[in-house]
């Protein structure tokens, strides 16, 4: 695993956390207009978030596990590449 790859992974993780926080705060502060269409749209958005956020979070967590495992394997083999 290249250091630049871990930097990209860190950046993408921070961006994802910021997006989730932004969506959560916006959702909590939103004032939905009354009506059946607005209720249906809000329910659809809630279901979408309930599915997408855990899936992407699991994908990021799995990527971290694989990246850190790959980094650990390089050290076990006695890799002489500098880690600067």
N, C-alpha and C. Protein backbone atom coordinates (compact mmCIF):
# COMPACT_ATOMS: atom_id res chain seq x y z
N UNK A 1 0.85 -1.17 0.00
CA UNK A 1 0.00 0.00 0.00
C UNK A 1 0.89 1.23 0.00
N UNK A 2 0.65 2.09 -0.92
CA UNK A 2 1.40 3.32 -1.06
C UNK A 2 0.92 4.36 -0.05
N UNK A 3 1.84 5.20 0.40
CA UNK A 3 1.46 6.25 1.37
C UNK A 3 0.40 7.17 0.77
N UNK A 4 0.50 7.45 -0.52
CA UNK A 4 -0.49 8.29 -1.16
C UNK A 4 -1.87 7.64 -1.13
N UNK A 5 -1.91 6.31 -1.22
CA UNK A 5 -3.18 5.61 -1.15
C UNK A 5 -3.83 5.79 0.22
N UNK A 6 -3.03 5.71 1.28
CA UNK A 6 -3.57 5.91 2.62
C UNK A 6 -4.01 7.36 2.82
N UNK A 7 -3.29 8.28 2.23
CA UNK A 7 -3.68 9.69 2.31
C UNK A 7 -5.03 9.89 1.62
N UNK A 8 -5.19 9.28 0.45
CA UNK A 8 -6.47 9.37 -0.26
C UNK A 8 -7.58 8.74 0.56
N UNK A 9 -7.29 7.61 1.19
CA UNK A 9 -8.30 6.92 2.00
C UNK A 9 -8.69 7.77 3.20
N UNK A 10 -7.72 8.40 3.84
CA UNK A 10 -8.02 9.31 4.96
C UNK A 10 -8.90 10.46 4.50
N UNK A 11 -8.53 11.06 3.38
CA UNK A 11 -9.31 12.19 2.85
C UNK A 11 -10.73 11.76 2.52
N UNK A 12 -10.89 10.62 1.87
CA UNK A 12 -12.23 10.15 1.52
C UNK A 12 -13.05 9.81 2.77
N UNK A 13 -12.40 9.30 3.80
CA UNK A 13 -13.10 8.99 5.05
C UNK A 13 -13.59 10.27 5.72
N UNK A 14 -12.73 11.28 5.77
CA UNK A 14 -13.14 12.55 6.37
C UNK A 14 -14.27 13.19 5.57
N UNK A 15 -14.19 13.12 4.27
CA UNK A 15 -15.27 13.67 3.43
C UNK A 15 -16.57 12.92 3.69
N UNK A 16 -16.51 11.60 3.81
CA UNK A 16 -17.73 10.83 4.05
C UNK A 16 -18.34 11.18 5.40
N UNK A 17 -17.51 11.32 6.43
CA UNK A 17 -18.03 11.70 7.75
C UNK A 17 -18.69 13.07 7.68
N UNK A 18 -18.07 14.01 6.96
CA UNK A 18 -18.66 15.35 6.82
C UNK A 18 -19.98 15.29 6.08
N UNK A 19 -20.07 14.46 5.05
CA UNK A 19 -21.34 14.33 4.29
C UNK A 19 -22.44 13.75 5.17
N UNK A 20 -22.11 12.72 5.94
CA UNK A 20 -23.11 12.10 6.82
C UNK A 20 -23.58 13.10 7.88
N UNK A 21 -22.65 13.85 8.47
CA UNK A 21 -23.04 14.86 9.45
C UNK A 21 -23.90 15.95 8.82
N UNK A 22 -23.52 16.40 7.64
CA UNK A 22 -24.28 17.43 6.93
C UNK A 22 -25.70 16.95 6.62
N UNK A 23 -25.81 15.73 6.11
CA UNK A 23 -27.14 15.17 5.82
C UNK A 23 -27.97 15.02 7.09
N UNK A 24 -27.35 14.54 8.15
CA UNK A 24 -28.08 14.35 9.40
C UNK A 24 -28.58 15.65 9.99
N UNK A 25 -27.72 16.65 10.04
CA UNK A 25 -28.14 17.95 10.59
C UNK A 25 -29.19 18.59 9.69
N UNK A 26 -29.00 18.53 8.39
CA UNK A 26 -29.99 19.10 7.46
C UNK A 26 -31.33 18.40 7.59
N UNK A 27 -31.29 17.09 7.75
CA UNK A 27 -32.54 16.32 7.89
C UNK A 27 -33.26 16.69 9.18
N UNK A 28 -32.50 16.86 10.26
CA UNK A 28 -33.12 17.20 11.54
C UNK A 28 -33.68 18.62 11.55
N UNK A 29 -33.03 19.54 10.83
CA UNK A 29 -33.46 20.93 10.84
C UNK A 29 -34.48 21.27 9.75
N UNK A 30 -34.71 20.34 8.85
CA UNK A 30 -35.63 20.61 7.74
C UNK A 30 -37.08 20.66 8.24
N UNK A 31 -37.79 21.61 7.71
CA UNK A 31 -39.22 21.73 8.02
C UNK A 31 -39.97 21.31 6.76
N UNK A 32 -40.56 20.15 6.83
CA UNK A 32 -41.25 19.61 5.66
C UNK A 32 -42.64 20.22 5.53
N UNK A 33 -43.01 20.57 4.31
CA UNK A 33 -44.38 21.06 4.11
C UNK A 33 -45.37 19.92 4.30
N UNK A 34 -46.56 20.30 4.66
CA UNK A 34 -47.60 19.29 4.91
C UNK A 34 -48.12 18.75 3.59
N UNK A 35 -48.59 17.54 3.63
CA UNK A 35 -49.20 16.94 2.45
C UNK A 35 -48.69 15.54 2.22
N UNK A 36 -49.48 14.76 1.47
CA UNK A 36 -49.11 13.37 1.23
C UNK A 36 -47.85 13.23 0.37
N UNK A 37 -47.67 14.13 -0.61
CA UNK A 37 -46.47 14.04 -1.45
C UNK A 37 -45.22 14.32 -0.62
N UNK A 38 -45.26 15.32 0.22
CA UNK A 38 -44.12 15.67 1.06
C UNK A 38 -43.81 14.54 2.04
N UNK A 39 -44.84 13.94 2.59
CA UNK A 39 -44.62 12.81 3.51
C UNK A 39 -43.99 11.62 2.80
N UNK A 40 -44.47 11.33 1.59
CA UNK A 40 -43.92 10.22 0.81
C UNK A 40 -42.47 10.49 0.43
N UNK A 41 -42.19 11.73 0.04
CA UNK A 41 -40.83 12.09 -0.33
C UNK A 41 -39.89 12.01 0.87
N UNK A 42 -40.34 12.46 2.01
CA UNK A 42 -39.52 12.38 3.22
C UNK A 42 -39.28 10.93 3.63
N UNK A 43 -40.30 10.10 3.51
CA UNK A 43 -40.14 8.68 3.83
C UNK A 43 -39.17 8.01 2.87
N UNK A 44 -39.27 8.33 1.58
CA UNK A 44 -38.35 7.75 0.59
C UNK A 44 -36.91 8.19 0.88
N UNK A 45 -36.72 9.44 1.22
CA UNK A 45 -35.39 9.94 1.54
C UNK A 45 -34.84 9.26 2.79
N UNK A 46 -35.69 9.05 3.78
CA UNK A 46 -35.28 8.37 5.00
C UNK A 46 -34.83 6.94 4.72
N UNK A 47 -35.61 6.24 3.91
CA UNK A 47 -35.26 4.85 3.55
C UNK A 47 -33.95 4.83 2.76
N UNK A 48 -33.80 5.78 1.83
CA UNK A 48 -32.57 5.86 1.04
C UNK A 48 -31.36 6.06 1.95
N UNK A 49 -31.46 6.98 2.89
CA UNK A 49 -30.36 7.22 3.81
C UNK A 49 -30.10 6.02 4.72
N UNK A 50 -31.16 5.36 5.13
CA UNK A 50 -31.02 4.20 6.01
C UNK A 50 -30.32 3.04 5.31
N UNK A 51 -30.37 3.00 3.99
CA UNK A 51 -29.72 1.93 3.24
C UNK A 51 -28.31 2.36 2.80
N UNK A 52 -28.18 3.56 2.26
CA UNK A 52 -26.92 4.00 1.66
C UNK A 52 -25.84 4.28 2.71
N UNK A 53 -26.19 4.95 3.78
CA UNK A 53 -25.17 5.32 4.77
C UNK A 53 -24.49 4.09 5.37
N UNK A 54 -25.22 3.09 5.83
CA UNK A 54 -24.52 1.90 6.36
C UNK A 54 -23.70 1.16 5.30
N UNK A 55 -24.21 1.07 4.07
CA UNK A 55 -23.46 0.36 3.03
C UNK A 55 -22.14 1.05 2.70
N UNK A 56 -22.18 2.35 2.52
CA UNK A 56 -20.95 3.07 2.20
C UNK A 56 -20.00 3.05 3.40
N UNK A 57 -20.54 3.15 4.59
CA UNK A 57 -19.70 3.09 5.79
C UNK A 57 -19.02 1.73 5.91
N UNK A 58 -19.74 0.66 5.63
CA UNK A 58 -19.13 -0.67 5.64
C UNK A 58 -18.06 -0.81 4.56
N UNK A 59 -18.30 -0.23 3.41
CA UNK A 59 -17.32 -0.26 2.33
C UNK A 59 -16.05 0.47 2.76
N UNK A 60 -16.20 1.62 3.38
CA UNK A 60 -15.02 2.36 3.86
C UNK A 60 -14.30 1.58 4.95
N UNK A 61 -15.04 0.98 5.87
CA UNK A 61 -14.41 0.19 6.94
C UNK A 61 -13.66 -1.01 6.36
N UNK A 62 -14.25 -1.68 5.38
CA UNK A 62 -13.57 -2.83 4.75
C UNK A 62 -12.32 -2.37 4.02
N UNK A 63 -12.38 -1.22 3.39
CA UNK A 63 -11.21 -0.69 2.69
C UNK A 63 -10.09 -0.38 3.68
N UNK A 64 -10.45 0.18 4.84
CA UNK A 64 -9.44 0.44 5.87
C UNK A 64 -8.80 -0.85 6.36
N UNK A 65 -9.63 -1.87 6.58
CA UNK A 65 -9.10 -3.16 7.05
C UNK A 65 -8.13 -3.73 6.02
N UNK A 66 -8.51 -3.72 4.76
CA UNK A 66 -7.64 -4.26 3.71
C UNK A 66 -6.35 -3.43 3.58
N UNK A 67 -6.48 -2.11 3.68
CA UNK A 67 -5.31 -1.25 3.54
C UNK A 67 -4.33 -1.48 4.69
N UNK A 68 -4.85 -1.58 5.90
CA UNK A 68 -3.97 -1.77 7.05
C UNK A 68 -3.39 -3.19 7.09
N UNK A 69 -4.15 -4.17 6.62
CA UNK A 69 -3.61 -5.53 6.52
C UNK A 69 -2.48 -5.58 5.50
N UNK A 70 -2.70 -4.94 4.36
CA UNK A 70 -1.66 -4.91 3.33
C UNK A 70 -0.41 -4.20 3.80
N UNK A 71 -0.59 -3.17 4.57
CA UNK A 71 0.54 -2.44 5.13
C UNK A 71 1.29 -3.32 6.14
N UNK A 72 0.55 -4.08 6.94
CA UNK A 72 1.17 -4.96 7.92
C UNK A 72 1.91 -6.12 7.26
N UNK A 73 1.38 -6.63 6.16
CA UNK A 73 2.06 -7.73 5.45
C UNK A 73 3.39 -7.28 4.88
N UNK A 74 3.45 -6.06 4.42
CA UNK A 74 4.70 -5.54 3.89
C UNK A 74 5.77 -5.48 4.96
N UNK A 75 5.40 -5.17 6.18
CA UNK A 75 6.35 -5.11 7.28
C UNK A 75 6.78 -6.51 7.71
N UNK A 76 5.87 -7.48 7.65
CA UNK A 76 6.19 -8.85 8.06
C UNK A 76 7.23 -9.47 7.13
N UNK A 77 7.17 -9.15 5.87
CA UNK A 77 8.09 -9.73 4.91
C UNK A 77 9.48 -9.09 4.97
N UNK A 78 9.63 -8.11 5.82
CA UNK A 78 10.93 -7.46 5.92
C UNK A 78 11.16 -6.49 4.77
N UNK A 79 10.13 -5.83 4.37
CA UNK A 79 10.22 -4.88 3.28
C UNK A 79 11.24 -3.79 3.61
N UNK A 80 12.10 -3.50 2.69
CA UNK A 80 13.13 -2.49 2.89
C UNK A 80 12.73 -1.14 2.31
N UNK A 81 11.51 -1.01 1.83
CA UNK A 81 11.09 0.26 1.24
C UNK A 81 10.87 1.27 2.35
N UNK A 82 11.40 2.49 2.19
CA UNK A 82 11.23 3.50 3.22
C UNK A 82 9.77 3.97 3.30
N UNK A 83 9.34 4.27 4.48
CA UNK A 83 7.97 4.72 4.69
C UNK A 83 7.98 6.21 5.03
N UNK A 84 8.34 7.02 4.06
CA UNK A 84 8.40 8.46 4.29
C UNK A 84 7.16 9.16 3.81
